Amino acid sequence: MKNALQGRIQPAQVNFAKALADETRQKIMKLCCCKWLSVTEIVEQLDVAQPTVSHHLAVLKEAGLVNVRPDGKQTFYSLNQERVAVCCGQLMTVFAPEDEATKTLGRLDTARSNAAGRKKDCGCA
């Protein structure tokens, strides 16, 4: 079974799972959903040391889960929602290929392609 899964699990999926495995990174992702925040703003909202936040942002960046926008001396981050959705879908195809939700992915991909260019409502609280 391990050999069968090895060929299907990609390094990007492993990085995604590792990035999600930490509670602080999950909190950062939630904070950065639908808005751009500086490291300073994230530090203030989480009450965590700046080097710790920077480390977690580097992990999220490596996994492609945050968008990065330098602006002068500051760097701003926002959640890369499309990447989150793609990674979740890829994991579903590996671990739940027969699930009805996985079968729906193809229809969602088509709908997303058709909606490209239209602004979508975020849904973040």
PDB file of N, CA and C in Angstrom:
ATOM      1  N   MET A   1       0.827  -1.198   0.000  1.00  0.00           N
ATOM      2  CA  MET A   1       0.000   0.000   0.000  1.00  0.00           C
ATOM      3  C   MET A   1       0.864   1.251   0.000  1.00  0.00           C
ATOM      4  N   LYS A   2       1.969   1.231   0.748  1.00  0.00           N
ATOM      5  CA  LYS A   2       2.834   2.405   0.806  1.00  0.00           C
ATOM      6  C   LYS A   2       3.362   2.749  -0.581  1.00  0.00           C
ATOM      7  N   ASN A   3       3.790   1.767  -1.354  1.00  0.00           N
ATOM      8  CA  ASN A   3       4.308   2.017  -2.697  1.00  0.00           C
ATOM      9  C   ASN A   3       3.247   2.608  -3.610  1.00  0.00           C
ATOM     10  N   ALA A   4       2.009   2.175  -3.481  1.00  0.00           N
ATOM     11  CA  ALA A   4       0.929   2.707  -4.305  1.00  0.00           C
ATOM     12  C   ALA A   4       0.688   4.176  -3.990  1.00  0.00           C
ATOM     13  N   LEU A   5       0.729   4.551  -2.719  1.00  0.00           N
ATOM     14  CA  LEU A   5       0.510   5.941  -2.332  1.00  0.00           C
ATOM     15  C   LEU A   5       1.704   6.814  -2.668  1.00  0.00           C
ATOM     16  N   GLN A   6       2.912   6.266  -2.596  1.00  0.00           N
ATOM     17  CA  GLN A   6       4.105   7.061  -2.862  1.00  0.00           C
ATOM     18  C   GLN A   6       4.061   7.703  -4.233  1.00  0.00           C
ATOM     19  N   GLY A   7       3.564   7.007  -5.214  1.00  0.00           N
ATOM     20  CA  GLY A   7       3.515   7.547  -6.560  1.00  0.00           C
ATOM     21  C   GLY A   7       2.463   8.633  -6.723  1.00  0.00           C
ATOM     22  N   ARG A   8       1.504   8.714  -5.814  1.00  0.00           N
ATOM     23  CA  ARG A   8       0.401   9.657  -5.944  1.00  0.00           C
ATOM     24  C   ARG A   8       0.560  10.882  -5.058  1.00  0.00           C
ATOM     25  N   ILE A   9       1.296  10.797  -3.989  1.00  0.00           N
ATOM     26  CA  ILE A   9       1.471  11.932  -3.082  1.00  0.00           C
ATOM     27  C   ILE A   9       2.665  12.745  -3.558  1.00  0.00           C
ATOM     28  N   GLN A  10       2.417  14.008  -3.823  1.00  0.00           N
ATOM     29  CA  GLN A  10       3.433  14.908  -4.342  1.00  0.00           C
ATOM     30  C   GLN A  10       4.072  15.703  -3.202  1.00  0.00           C
ATOM     31  N   PRO A  11       5.300  16.180  -3.388  1.00  0.00           N
ATOM     32  CA  PRO A  11       5.943  16.990  -2.354  1.00  0.00           C
ATOM     33  C   PRO A  11       5.122  18.217  -1.962  1.00  0.00           C
ATOM     34  N   ALA A  12       4.423  18.816  -2.909  1.00  0.00           N
ATOM     35  CA  ALA A  12       3.591  19.984  -2.592  1.00  0.00           C
ATOM     36  C   ALA A  12       2.481  19.617  -1.615  1.00  0.00           C
ATOM     37  N   GLN A  13       1.942  18.417  -1.748  1.00  0.00           N
ATOM     38  CA  GLN A  13       0.893  17.966  -0.841  1.00  0.00           C
ATOM     39  C   GLN A  13       1.454  17.747   0.563  1.00  0.00           C
ATOM     40  N   VAL A  14       2.673  17.239   0.632  1.00  0.00           N
ATOM     41  CA  VAL A  14       3.326  17.037   1.933  1.00  0.00           C
ATOM     42  C   VAL A  14       3.589  18.397   2.593  1.00  0.00           C
ATOM     43  N   ASN A  15       4.104  19.356   1.824  1.00  0.00           N
ATOM     44  CA  ASN A  15       4.341  20.700   2.361  1.00  0.00           C
ATOM     45  C   ASN A  15       3.044  21.343   2.845  1.00  0.00           C
ATOM     46  N   PHE A  16       1.972  21.137   2.094  1.00  0.00           N
ATOM     47  CA  PHE A  16       0.661  21.662   2.482  1.00  0.00           C
ATOM     48  C   PHE A  16       0.228  21.070   3.822  1.00  0.00           C
ATOM     49  N   ALA A  17       0.334  19.754   3.946  1.00  0.00           N
ATOM     50  CA  ALA A  17      -0.064  19.096   5.191  1.00  0.00           C
ATOM     51  C   ALA A  17       0.797  19.550   6.368  1.00  0.00           C
ATOM     52  N   LYS A  18       2.098  19.695   6.145  1.00  0.00           N
ATOM     53  CA  LYS A  18       2.984  20.173   7.208  1.00  0.00           C
ATOM     54  C   LYS A  18       2.632  21.600   7.618  1.00  0.00           C
ATOM     55  N   ALA A  19       2.311  22.434   6.630  1.00  0.00           N
ATOM     56  CA  ALA A  19       1.956  23.814   6.935  1.00  0.00           C
ATOM     57  C   ALA A  19       0.684  23.875   7.779  1.00  0.00           C
ATOM     58  N   LEU A  20      -0.267  23.016   7.486  1.00  0.00           N
ATOM     59  CA  LEU A  20      -1.524  23.004   8.241  1.00  0.00           C
ATOM     60  C   LEU A  20      -1.391  22.374   9.623  1.00  0.00           C
ATOM     61  N   ALA A  21      -0.317  21.636   9.842  1.00  0.00           N
ATOM     62  CA  ALA A  21      -0.167  20.866  11.076  1.00  0.00           C
ATOM     63  C   ALA A  21       0.089  21.727  12.306  1.00  0.00           C
ATOM     64  N   ASP A  22       0.359  23.005  12.114  1.00  0.00           N
ATOM     65  CA  ASP A  22       0.691  23.865  13.246  1.00  0.00           C
ATOM     66  C   ASP A  22      -0.459  24.845  13.524  1.00  0.00           C
ATOM     67  N   GLU A  23      -0.870  24.920  14.784  1.00  0.00           N
ATOM     68  CA  GLU A  23      -1.995  25.781  15.167  1.00  0.00           C
ATOM     69  C   GLU A  23      -1.713  27.256  14.897  1.00  0.00           C
ATOM     70  N   THR A  24      -0.495  27.702  15.129  1.00  0.00           N
ATOM     71  CA  THR A  24      -0.162  29.105  14.878  1.00  0.00           C
ATOM     72  C   THR A  24      -0.290  29.422  13.387  1.00  0.00           C
ATOM     73  N   ARG A  25       0.160  28.521  12.531  1.00  0.00           N
ATOM     74  CA  ARG A  25       0.026  28.750  11.092  1.00  0.00           C
ATOM     75  C   ARG A  25      -1.442  28.774  10.678  1.00  0.00           C
ATOM     76  N   GLN A  26      -2.259  27.945  11.291  1.00  0.00           N
ATOM     77  CA  GLN A  26      -3.689  27.971  11.003  1.00  0.00           C
ATOM     78  C   GLN A  26      -4.283  29.326  11.386  1.00  0.00           C
ATOM     79  N   LYS A  27      -3.858  29.859  12.517  1.00  0.00           N
ATOM     80  CA  LYS A  27      -4.344  31.174  12.948  1.00  0.00           C
ATOM     81  C   LYS A  27      -3.893  32.271  11.972  1.00  0.00           C
ATOM     82  N   ILE A  28      -2.658  32.191  11.520  1.00  0.00           N
ATOM     83  CA  ILE A  28      -2.157  33.166  10.554  1.00  0.00           C
ATOM     84  C   ILE A  28      -2.968  33.090   9.263  1.00  0.00           C
ATOM     85  N   MET A  29      -3.248  31.887   8.799  1.00  0.00           N
ATOM     86  CA  MET A  29      -4.037  31.722   7.583  1.00  0.00           C
ATOM     87  C   MET A  29      -5.419  32.352   7.745  1.00  0.00           C
ATOM     88  N   LYS A  30      -6.029  32.141   8.882  1.00  0.00           N
ATOM     89  CA  LYS A  30      -7.358  32.718   9.142  1.00  0.00           C
ATOM     90  C   LYS A  30      -7.284  34.239   9.152  1.00  0.00           C
ATOM     91  N   LEU A  31      -6.259  34.791   9.798  1.00  0.00           N
ATOM     92  CA  LEU A  31      -6.106  36.245   9.853  1.00  0.00           C
ATOM     93  C   LEU A  31      -5.913  36.847   8.465  1.00  0.00           C
ATOM     94  N   CYS A  32      -5.164  36.166   7.615  1.00  0.00           N
ATOM     95  CA  CYS A  32      -4.809  36.689   6.287  1.00  0.00           C
ATOM     96  C   CYS A  32      -5.848  36.370   5.219  1.00  0.00           C
ATOM     97  N   CYS A  33      -6.920  35.751   5.605  1.00  0.00           N
ATOM     98  CA  CYS A  33      -7.961  35.409   4.646  1.00  0.00           C
ATOM     99  C   CYS A  33      -8.672  36.689   4.197  1.00  0.00           C
ATOM    100  N   CYS A  34      -8.625  36.950   2.908  1.00  0.00           N
ATOM    101  CA  CYS A  34      -9.357  38.064   2.285  1.00  0.00           C
ATOM    102  C   CYS A  34      -8.801  39.448   2.596  1.00  0.00           C
ATOM    103  N   LYS A  35      -7.604  39.520   3.146  1.00  0.00           N
ATOM    104  CA  LYS A  35      -7.003  40.837   3.394  1.00  0.00           C
ATOM    105  C   LYS A  35      -5.495  40.711   3.470  1.00  0.00           C
ATOM    106  N   TRP A  36      -4.835  41.843   3.244  1.00  0.00           N
ATOM    107  CA  TRP A  36      -3.383  41.923   3.334  1.00  0.00           C
ATOM    108  C   TRP A  36      -3.007  42.423   4.716  1.00  0.00           C
ATOM    109  N   LEU A  37      -2.095  41.704   5.383  1.00  0.00           N
ATOM    110  CA  LEU A  37      -1.609  42.102   6.703  1.00  0.00           C
ATOM    111  C   LEU A  37      -0.092  42.127   6.697  1.00  0.00           C
ATOM    112  N   SER A  38       0.466  43.083   7.426  1.00  0.00           N
ATOM    113  CA  SER A  38       1.920  43.129   7.597  1.00  0.00           C
ATOM    114  C   SER A  38       2.315  42.180   8.727  1.00  0.00           C
ATOM    115  N   VAL A  39       3.594  41.877   8.785  1.00  0.00           N
ATOM    116  CA  VAL A  39       4.096  41.028   9.873  1.00  0.00           C
ATOM    117  C   VAL A  39       3.750  41.671  11.213  1.00  0.00           C
ATOM    118  N   THR A  40       3.915  42.982  11.307  1.00  0.00           N
ATOM    119  CA  THR A  40       3.611  43.703  12.553  1.00  0.00           C
ATOM    120  C   THR A  40       2.157  43.519  12.952  1.00  0.00           C
ATOM    121  N   GLU A  41       1.250  43.616  11.995  1.00  0.00           N
ATOM    122  CA  GLU A  41      -0.173  43.447  12.298  1.00  0.00           C
ATOM    123  C   GLU A  41      -0.477  42.024  12.760  1.00  0.00           C
ATOM    124  N   ILE A  42       0.166  41.058  12.149  1.00  0.00           N
ATOM    125  CA  ILE A  42      -0.044  39.657  12.551  1.00  0.00           C
ATOM    126  C   ILE A  42       0.492  39.433  13.960  1.00  0.00           C
ATOM    127  N   VAL A  43       1.685  39.973  14.243  1.00  0.00           N
ATOM    128  CA  VAL A  43       2.286  39.855  15.579  1.00  0.00           C
ATOM    129  C   VAL A  43       1.335  40.434  16.626  1.00  0.00           C
ATOM    130  N   GLU A  44       0.790  41.615  16.352  1.00  0.00           N
ATOM    131  CA  GLU A  44      -0.108  42.273  17.305  1.00  0.00           C
ATOM    132  C   GLU A  44      -1.379  41.463  17.539  1.00  0.00           C
ATOM    133  N   GLN A  45      -1.922  40.883  16.493  1.00  0.00           N
ATOM    134  CA  GLN A  45      -3.183  40.143  16.629  1.00  0.00           C
ATOM    135  C   GLN A  45      -2.995  38.776  17.282  1.00  0.00           C
ATOM    136  N   LEU A  46      -1.831  38.179  17.093  1.00  0.00           N
ATOM    137  CA  LEU A  46      -1.593  36.852  17.669  1.00  0.00           C
ATOM    138  C   LEU A  46      -0.905  36.908  19.022  1.00  0.00           C
ATOM    139  N   ASP A  47      -0.284  38.045  19.325  1.00  0.00           N
ATOM    140  CA  ASP A  47       0.509  38.182  20.550  1.00  0.00           C
ATOM    141  C   ASP A  47       1.605  37.111  20.599  1.00  0.00           C
ATOM    142  N   VAL A  48       2.322  37.000  19.475  1.00  0.00           N
ATOM    143  CA  VAL A  48       3.428  36.061  19.319  1.00  0.00           C
ATOM    144  C   VAL A  48       4.639  36.874  18.886  1.00  0.00           C
ATOM    145  N   ALA A  49       5.826  36.433  19.249  1.00  0.00           N
ATOM    146  CA  ALA A  49       7.047  37.166  18.909  1.00  0.00           C
ATOM    147  C   ALA A  49       7.224  37.269  17.394  1.00  0.00           C
ATOM    148  N   GLN A  50       7.804  38.371  16.947  1.00  0.00           N
ATOM    149  CA  GLN A  50       7.998  38.617  15.514  1.00  0.00           C
ATOM    150  C   GLN A  50       8.814  37.524  14.829  1.00  0.00           C
ATOM    151  N   PRO A  51       9.925  37.056  15.419  1.00  0.00           N
ATOM    152  CA  PRO A  51      10.669  35.980  14.747  1.00  0.00           C
ATOM    153  C   PRO A  51       9.836  34.701  14.567  1.00  0.00           C
ATOM    154  N   THR A  52       8.964  34.426  15.520  1.00  0.00           N
ATOM    155  CA  THR A  52       8.095  33.254  15.421  1.00  0.00           C
ATOM    156  C   THR A  52       7.118  33.405  14.260  1.00  0.00           C
ATOM    157  N   VAL A  53       6.505  34.580  14.163  1.00  0.00           N
ATOM    158  CA  VAL A  53       5.564  34.839  13.069  1.00  0.00           C
ATOM    159  C   VAL A  53       6.293  34.757  11.727  1.00  0.00           C
ATOM    160  N   SER A  54       7.487  35.348  11.649  1.00  0.00           N
ATOM    161  CA  SER A  54       8.255  35.310  10.401  1.00  0.00           C
ATOM    162  C   SER A  54       8.588  33.875   9.994  1.00  0.00           C
ATOM    163  N   HIS A  55       8.938  33.046  10.972  1.00  0.00           N
ATOM    164  CA  HIS A  55       9.220  31.630  10.681  1.00  0.00           C
ATOM    165  C   HIS A  55       7.983  30.953  10.099  1.00  0.00           C
ATOM    166  N   HIS A  56       6.834  31.150  10.736  1.00  0.00           N
ATOM    167  CA  HIS A  56       5.606  30.511  10.267  1.00  0.00           C
ATOM    168  C   HIS A  56       5.199  31.027   8.892  1.00  0.00           C
ATOM    169  N   LEU A  57       5.396  32.317   8.651  1.00  0.00           N
ATOM    170  CA  LEU A  57       5.090  32.866   7.328  1.00  0.00           C
ATOM    171  C   LEU A  57       5.997  32.260   6.256  1.00  0.00           C
ATOM    172  N   ALA A  58       7.249  32.001   6.607  1.00  0.00           N
ATOM    173  CA  ALA A  58       8.176  31.373   5.651  1.00  0.00           C
ATOM    174  C   ALA A  58       7.705  29.965   5.284  1.00  0.00           C
ATOM    175  N   VAL A  59       7.206  29.220   6.253  1.00  0.00           N
ATOM    176  CA  VAL A  59       6.678  27.874   5.984  1.00  0.00           C
ATOM    177  C   VAL A  59       5.456  27.969   5.074  1.00  0.00           C
ATOM    178  N   LEU A  60       4.565  28.909   5.381  1.00  0.00           N
ATOM    179  CA  LEU A  60       3.363  29.092   4.564  1.00  0.00           C
ATOM    180  C   LEU A  60       3.725  29.540   3.151  1.00  0.00           C
ATOM    181  N   LYS A  61       4.713  30.404   3.054  1.00  0.00           N
ATOM    182  CA  LYS A  61       5.163  30.881   1.736  1.00  0.00           C
ATOM    183  C   LYS A  61       5.742  29.724   0.920  1.00  0.00           C
ATOM    184  N   GLU A  62       6.556  28.896   1.545  1.00  0.00           N
ATOM    185  CA  GLU A  62       7.163  27.757   0.851  1.00  0.00           C
ATOM    186  C   GLU A  62       6.095  26.799   0.325  1.00  0.00           C
ATOM    187  N   ALA A  63       5.013  26.669   1.074  1.00  0.00           N
ATOM    188  CA  ALA A  63       3.915  25.791   0.656  1.00  0.00           C
ATOM    189  C   ALA A  63       2.995  26.488  -0.355  1.00  0.00           C
ATOM    190  N   GLY A  64       3.245  27.758  -0.623  1.00  0.00           N
ATOM    191  CA  GLY A  64       2.424  28.499  -1.575  1.00  0.00           C
ATOM    192  C   GLY A  64       1.088  28.936  -1.017  1.00  0.00           C
ATOM    193  N   LEU A  65       0.959  28.947   0.301  1.00  0.00           N
ATOM    194  CA  LEU A  65      -0.331  29.231   0.927  1.00  0.00           C
ATOM    195  C   LEU A  65      -0.571  30.700   1.234  1.00  0.00           C
ATOM    196  N   VAL A  66       0.450  31.534   1.063  1.00  0.00           N
ATOM    197  CA  VAL A  66       0.259  32.967   1.229  1.00  0.00           C
ATOM    198  C   VAL A  66       0.801  33.704   0.013  1.00  0.00           C
ATOM    199  N   ASN A  67       0.136  34.774  -0.329  1.00  0.00           N
ATOM    200  CA  ASN A  67       0.628  35.696  -1.341  1.00  0.00           C
ATOM    201  C   ASN A  67       1.472  36.727  -0.612  1.00  0.00           C
ATOM    202  N   VAL A  68       2.535  37.191  -1.244  1.00  0.00           N
ATOM    203  CA  VAL A  68       3.470  38.119  -0.612  1.00  0.00           C
ATOM    204  C   VAL A  68       3.535  39.390  -1.445  1.00  0.00           C
ATOM    205  N   ARG A  69       3.442  40.545  -0.763  1.00  0.00           N
ATOM    206  CA  ARG A  69       3.512  41.830  -1.445  1.00  0.00           C
ATOM    207  C   ARG A  69       4.439  42.769  -0.673  1.00  0.00           C
ATOM    208  N   PRO A  70       5.667  42.956  -1.162  1.00  0.00           N
ATOM    209  CA  PRO A  70       6.563  43.912  -0.503  1.00  0.00           C
ATOM    210  C   PRO A  70       6.067  45.338  -0.761  1.00  0.00           C
ATOM    211  N   ASP A  71       6.191  46.181   0.247  1.00  0.00           N
ATOM    212  CA  ASP A  71       5.777  47.584   0.116  1.00  0.00           C
ATOM    213  C   ASP A  71       6.700  48.424   0.994  1.00  0.00           C
ATOM    214  N   GLY A  72       7.730  48.973   0.375  1.00  0.00           N
ATOM    215  CA  GLY A  72       8.712  49.734   1.143  1.00  0.00           C
ATOM    216  C   GLY A  72       9.475  48.819   2.082  1.00  0.00           C
ATOM    217  N   LYS A  73       9.489  49.188   3.352  1.00  0.00           N
ATOM    218  CA  LYS A  73      10.206  48.393   4.352  1.00  0.00           C
ATOM    219  C   LYS A  73       9.360  47.256   4.916  1.00  0.00           C
ATOM    220  N   GLN A  74       8.095  47.222   4.565  1.00  0.00           N
ATOM    221  CA  GLN A  74       7.203  46.196   5.095  1.00  0.00           C
ATOM    222  C   GLN A  74       6.854  45.178   4.020  1.00  0.00           C
ATOM    223  N   THR A  75       6.443  44.017   4.479  1.00  0.00           N
ATOM    224  CA  THR A  75       5.942  42.978   3.597  1.00  0.00           C
ATOM    225  C   THR A  75       4.547  42.614   4.075  1.00  0.00           C
ATOM    226  N   PHE A  76       3.630  42.498   3.123  1.00  0.00           N
ATOM    227  CA  PHE A  76       2.250  42.167   3.443  1.00  0.00           C
ATOM    228  C   PHE A  76       1.926  40.774   2.920  1.00  0.00           C
ATOM    229  N   TYR A  77       1.038  40.089   3.649  1.00  0.00           N
ATOM    230  CA  TYR A  77       0.670  38.712   3.323  1.00  0.00           C
ATOM    231  C   TYR A  77      -0.847  38.585   3.254  1.00  0.00           C
ATOM    232  N   SER A  78      -1.306  37.741   2.340  1.00  0.00           N
ATOM    233  CA  SER A  78      -2.715  37.368   2.289  1.00  0.00           C
ATOM    234  C   SER A  78      -2.794  35.882   1.950  1.00  0.00           C
ATOM    235  N   LEU A  79      -3.882  35.271   2.340  1.00  0.00           N
ATOM    236  CA  LEU A  79      -4.063  33.840   2.102  1.00  0.00           C
ATOM    237  C   LEU A  79      -4.270  33.578   0.612  1.00  0.00           C
ATOM    238  N   ASN A  80      -3.570  32.608   0.084  1.00  0.00           N
ATOM    239  CA  ASN A  80      -3.742  32.176  -1.301  1.00  0.00           C
ATOM    240  C   ASN A  80      -4.852  31.124  -1.306  1.00  0.00           C
ATOM    241  N   GLN A  81      -6.081  31.593  -1.387  1.00  0.00           N
ATOM    242  CA  GLN A  81      -7.236  30.707  -1.274  1.00  0.00           C
ATOM    243  C   GLN A  81      -7.296  29.673  -2.398  1.00  0.00           C
ATOM    244  N   GLU A  82      -6.892  30.070  -3.578  1.00  0.00           N
ATOM    245  CA  GLU A  82      -6.919  29.113  -4.692  1.00  0.00           C
ATOM    246  C   GLU A  82      -5.973  27.949  -4.413  1.00  0.00           C
ATOM    247  N   ARG A  83      -4.796  28.249  -3.886  1.00  0.00           N
ATOM    248  CA  ARG A  83      -3.826  27.196  -3.571  1.00  0.00           C
ATOM    249  C   ARG A  83      -4.366  26.262  -2.488  1.00  0.00           C
ATOM    250  N   VAL A  84      -5.031  26.833  -1.480  1.00  0.00           N
ATOM    251  CA  VAL A  84      -5.634  26.017  -0.421  1.00  0.00           C
ATOM    252  C   VAL A  84      -6.643  25.055  -1.036  1.00  0.00           C
ATOM    253  N   ALA A  85      -7.497  25.569  -1.908  1.00  0.00           N
ATOM    254  CA  ALA A  85      -8.526  24.733  -2.531  1.00  0.00           C
ATOM    255  C   ALA A  85      -7.908  23.638  -3.396  1.00  0.00           C
ATOM    256  N   VAL A  86      -6.891  23.984  -4.173  1.00  0.00           N
ATOM    257  CA  VAL A  86      -6.238  22.997  -5.036  1.00  0.00           C
ATOM    258  C   VAL A  86      -5.595  21.895  -4.196  1.00  0.00           C
ATOM    259  N   CYS A  87      -4.875  22.285  -3.148  1.00  0.00           N
ATOM    260  CA  CYS A  87      -4.209  21.283  -2.303  1.00  0.00           C
ATOM    261  C   CYS A  87      -5.206  20.376  -1.607  1.00  0.00           C
ATOM    262  N   CYS A  88      -6.297  20.945  -1.118  1.00  0.00           N
ATOM    263  CA  CYS A  88      -7.327  20.117  -0.482  1.00  0.00           C
ATOM    264  C   CYS A  88      -7.897  19.124  -1.492  1.00  0.00           C
ATOM    265  N   GLY A  89      -8.145  19.607  -2.690  1.00  0.00           N
ATOM    266  CA  GLY A  89      -8.673  18.731  -3.737  1.00  0.00           C
ATOM    267  C   GLY A  89      -7.709  17.612  -4.097  1.00  0.00           C
ATOM    268  N   GLN A  90      -6.419  17.951  -4.183  1.00  0.00           N
ATOM    269  CA  GLN A  90      -5.421  16.931  -4.507  1.00  0.00           C
ATOM    270  C   GLN A  90      -5.362  15.865  -3.420  1.00  0.00           C
ATOM    271  N   LEU A  91      -5.434  16.281  -2.170  1.00  0.00           N
ATOM    272  CA  LEU A  91      -5.414  15.308  -1.079  1.00  0.00           C
ATOM    273  C   LEU A  91      -6.658  14.421  -1.115  1.00  0.00           C
ATOM    274  N   MET A  92      -7.787  15.021  -1.459  1.00  0.00           N
ATOM    275  CA  MET A  92      -9.015  14.227  -1.547  1.00  0.00           C
ATOM    276  C   MET A  92      -8.907  13.163  -2.628  1.00  0.00           C
ATOM    277  N   THR A  93      -8.305  13.502  -3.760  1.00  0.00           N
ATOM    278  CA  THR A  93      -8.206  12.511  -4.836  1.00  0.00           C
ATOM    279  C   THR A  93      -7.304  11.348  -4.453  1.00  0.00           C
ATOM    280  N   VAL A  94      -6.358  11.592  -3.540  1.00  0.00           N
ATOM    281  CA  VAL A  94      -5.469  10.524  -3.084  1.00  0.00           C
ATOM    282  C   VAL A  94      -6.140   9.680  -1.999  1.00  0.00           C
ATOM    283  N   PHE A  95      -6.753  10.358  -1.020  1.00  0.00           N
ATOM    284  CA  PHE A  95      -7.236   9.640   0.163  1.00  0.00           C
ATOM    285  C   PHE A  95      -8.726   9.335   0.165  1.00  0.00           C
ATOM    286  N   ALA A  96      -9.494   9.971  -0.697  1.00  0.00           N
ATOM    287  CA  ALA A  96     -10.934   9.708  -0.753  1.00  0.00           C
ATOM    288  C   ALA A  96     -11.412   9.704  -2.199  1.00  0.00           C
ATOM    289  N   PRO A  97     -10.779   8.889  -3.066  1.00  0.00           N
ATOM    290  CA  PRO A  97     -11.102   8.947  -4.499  1.00  0.00           C
ATOM    291  C   PRO A  97     -12.529   8.534  -4.832  1.00  0.00           C
ATOM    292  N   GLU A  98     -13.155   7.754  -3.984  1.00  0.00           N
ATOM    293  CA  GLU A  98     -14.510   7.282  -4.272  1.00  0.00           C
ATOM    294  C   GLU A  98     -15.572   8.157  -3.615  1.00  0.00           C
ATOM    295  N   ASP A  99     -15.143   9.122  -2.821  1.00  0.00           N
ATOM    296  CA  ASP A  99     -16.079   9.985  -2.109  1.00  0.00           C
ATOM    297  C   ASP A  99     -16.838  10.869  -3.096  1.00  0.00           C
ATOM    298  N   GLU A 100     -18.088  11.118  -2.814  1.00  0.00           N
ATOM    299  CA  GLU A 100     -18.916  11.965  -3.685  1.00  0.00           C
ATOM    300  C   GLU A 100     -18.339  13.371  -3.786  1.00  0.00           C
ATOM    301  N   ALA A 101     -17.772  13.869  -2.700  1.00  0.00           N
ATOM    302  CA  ALA A 101     -17.172  15.206  -2.733  1.00  0.00           C
ATOM    303  C   ALA A 101     -16.006  15.251  -3.715  1.00  0.00           C
ATOM    304  N   THR A 102     -15.220  14.200  -3.769  1.00  0.00           N
ATOM    305  CA  THR A 102     -14.097  14.151  -4.698  1.00  0.00           C
ATOM    306  C   THR A 102     -14.597  14.161  -6.135  1.00  0.00           C
ATOM    307  N   LYS A 103     -15.674  13.434  -6.401  1.00  0.00           N
ATOM    308  CA  LYS A 103     -16.234  13.411  -7.746  1.00  0.00           C
ATOM    309  C   LYS A 103     -16.737  14.793  -8.151  1.00  0.00           C
ATOM    310  N   THR A 104     -17.122  15.586  -7.172  1.00  0.00           N
ATOM    311  CA  THR A 104     -17.631  16.926  -7.430  1.00  0.00           C
ATOM    312  C   THR A 104     -16.515  17.886  -7.828  1.00  0.00           C
ATOM    313  N   LEU A 105     -15.277  17.548  -7.522  1.00  0.00           N
ATOM    314  CA  LEU A 105     -14.152  18.441  -7.828  1.00  0.00           C
ATOM    315  C   LEU A 105     -14.095  18.818  -9.303  1.00  0.00           C
ATOM    316  N   GLY A 106     -14.325  17.858 -10.162  1.00  0.00           N
ATOM    317  CA  GLY A 106     -14.307  18.136 -11.600  1.00  0.00           C
ATOM    318  C   GLY A 106     -15.343  19.178 -11.976  1.00  0.00           C
ATOM    319  N   ARG A 107     -16.534  19.062 -11.388  1.00  0.00           N
ATOM    320  CA  ARG A 107     -17.594  20.040 -11.677  1.00  0.00           C
ATOM    321  C   ARG A 107     -17.212  21.407 -11.111  1.00  0.00           C
ATOM    322  N   LEU A 108     -16.580  21.441  -9.950  1.00  0.00           N
ATOM    323  CA  LEU A 108     -16.172  22.717  -9.366  1.00  0.00           C
ATOM    324  C   LEU A 108     -15.078  23.373 -10.198  1.00  0.00           C
ATOM    325  N   ASP A 109     -14.133  22.566 -10.691  1.00  0.00           N
ATOM    326  CA  ASP A 109     -13.080  23.104 -11.555  1.00  0.00           C
ATOM    327  C   ASP A 109     -13.681  23.751 -12.790  1.00  0.00           C
ATOM    328  N   THR A 110     -14.682  23.103 -13.366  1.00  0.00           N
ATOM    329  CA  THR A 110     -15.344  23.660 -14.541  1.00  0.00           C
ATOM    330  C   THR A 110     -16.051  24.963 -14.182  1.00  0.00           C
ATOM    331  N   ALA A 111     -16.754  24.970 -13.073  1.00  0.00           N
ATOM    332  CA  ALA A 111     -17.461  26.178 -12.646  1.00  0.00           C
ATOM    333  C   ALA A 111     -16.477  27.306 -12.361  1.00  0.00           C
ATOM    334  N   ARG A 112     -15.349  26.976 -11.737  1.00  0.00           N
ATOM    335  CA  ARG A 112     -14.337  27.994 -11.433  1.00  0.00           C
ATOM    336  C   ARG A 112     -13.767  28.566 -12.725  1.00  0.00           C
ATOM    337  N   SER A 113     -13.530  27.721 -13.695  1.00  0.00           N
ATOM    338  CA  SER A 113     -13.021  28.187 -14.983  1.00  0.00           C
ATOM    339  C   SER A 113     -14.021  29.115 -15.650  1.00  0.00           C
ATOM    340  N   ASN A 114     -15.296  28.774 -15.567  1.00  0.00           N
ATOM    341  CA  ASN A 114     -16.335  29.609 -16.168  1.00  0.00           C
ATOM    342  C   ASN A 114     -16.484  30.943 -15.455  1.00  0.00           C
ATOM    343  N   ALA A 115     -16.184  30.962 -14.163  1.00  0.00           N
ATOM    344  CA  ALA A 115     -16.348  32.180 -13.369  1.00  0.00           C
ATOM    345  C   ALA A 115     -15.082  33.026 -13.339  1.00  0.00           C
ATOM    346  N   ALA A 116     -14.032  32.586 -14.007  1.00  0.00           N
ATOM    347  CA  ALA A 116     -12.765  33.334 -13.989  1.00  0.00           C
ATOM    348  C   ALA A 116     -13.013  34.765 -14.438  1.00  0.00           C
ATOM    349  N   GLY A 117     -12.437  35.674 -13.695  1.00  0.00           N
ATOM    350  CA  GLY A 117     -12.600  37.079 -14.027  1.00  0.00           C
ATOM    351  C   GLY A 117     -13.713  37.747 -13.248  1.00  0.00           C
ATOM    352  N   ARG A 118     -14.653  36.959 -12.734  1.00  0.00           N
ATOM    353  CA  ARG A 118     -15.710  37.547 -11.915  1.00  0.00           C
ATOM    354  C   ARG A 118     -15.251  37.559 -10.463  1.00  0.00           C
ATOM    355  N   LYS A 119     -15.548  38.634  -9.754  1.00  0.00           N
ATOM    356  CA  LYS A 119     -15.154  38.747  -8.349  1.00  0.00           C
ATOM    357  C   LYS A 119     -16.057  37.852  -7.513  1.00  0.00           C
ATOM    358  N   LYS A 120     -15.425  37.085  -6.630  1.00  0.00           N
ATOM    359  CA  LYS A 120     -16.176  36.180  -5.766  1.00  0.00           C
ATOM    360  C   LYS A 120     -16.230  36.739  -4.357  1.00  0.00           C
ATOM    361  N   ASP A 121     -17.305  36.449  -3.670  1.00  0.00           N
ATOM    362  CA  ASP A 121     -17.444  36.863  -2.293  1.00  0.00           C
ATOM    363  C   ASP A 121     -16.595  35.986  -1.415  1.00  0.00           C
ATOM    364  N   CYS A 122     -15.919  36.569  -0.441  1.00  0.00           N
ATOM    365  CA  CYS A 122     -14.938  35.816   0.336  1.00  0.00           C
ATOM    366  C   CYS A 122     -15.594  34.837   1.303  1.00  0.00           C
ATOM    367  N   GLY A 123     -16.349  35.115   2.177  1.00  0.00           N
ATOM    368  CA  GLY A 123     -16.869  34.131   3.107  1.00  0.00           C
ATOM    369  C   GLY A 123     -16.063  34.051   4.395  1.00  0.00           C
ATOM    370  N   CYS A 124     -14.979  34.791   4.496  1.00  0.00           N
ATOM    371  CA  CYS A 124     -14.214  34.846   5.754  1.00  0.00           C
ATOM    372  C   CYS A 124     -14.975  35.700   6.745  1.00  0.00           C
ATOM    373  N   ALA A 125     -14.862  35.328   7.991  1.00  0.00           N
ATOM    374  CA  ALA A 125     -15.534  36.099   9.030  1.00  0.00           C
ATOM    375  C   ALA A 125     -14.680  37.254   9.484  1.00  0.00           C
TER     376      ALA A 125
END
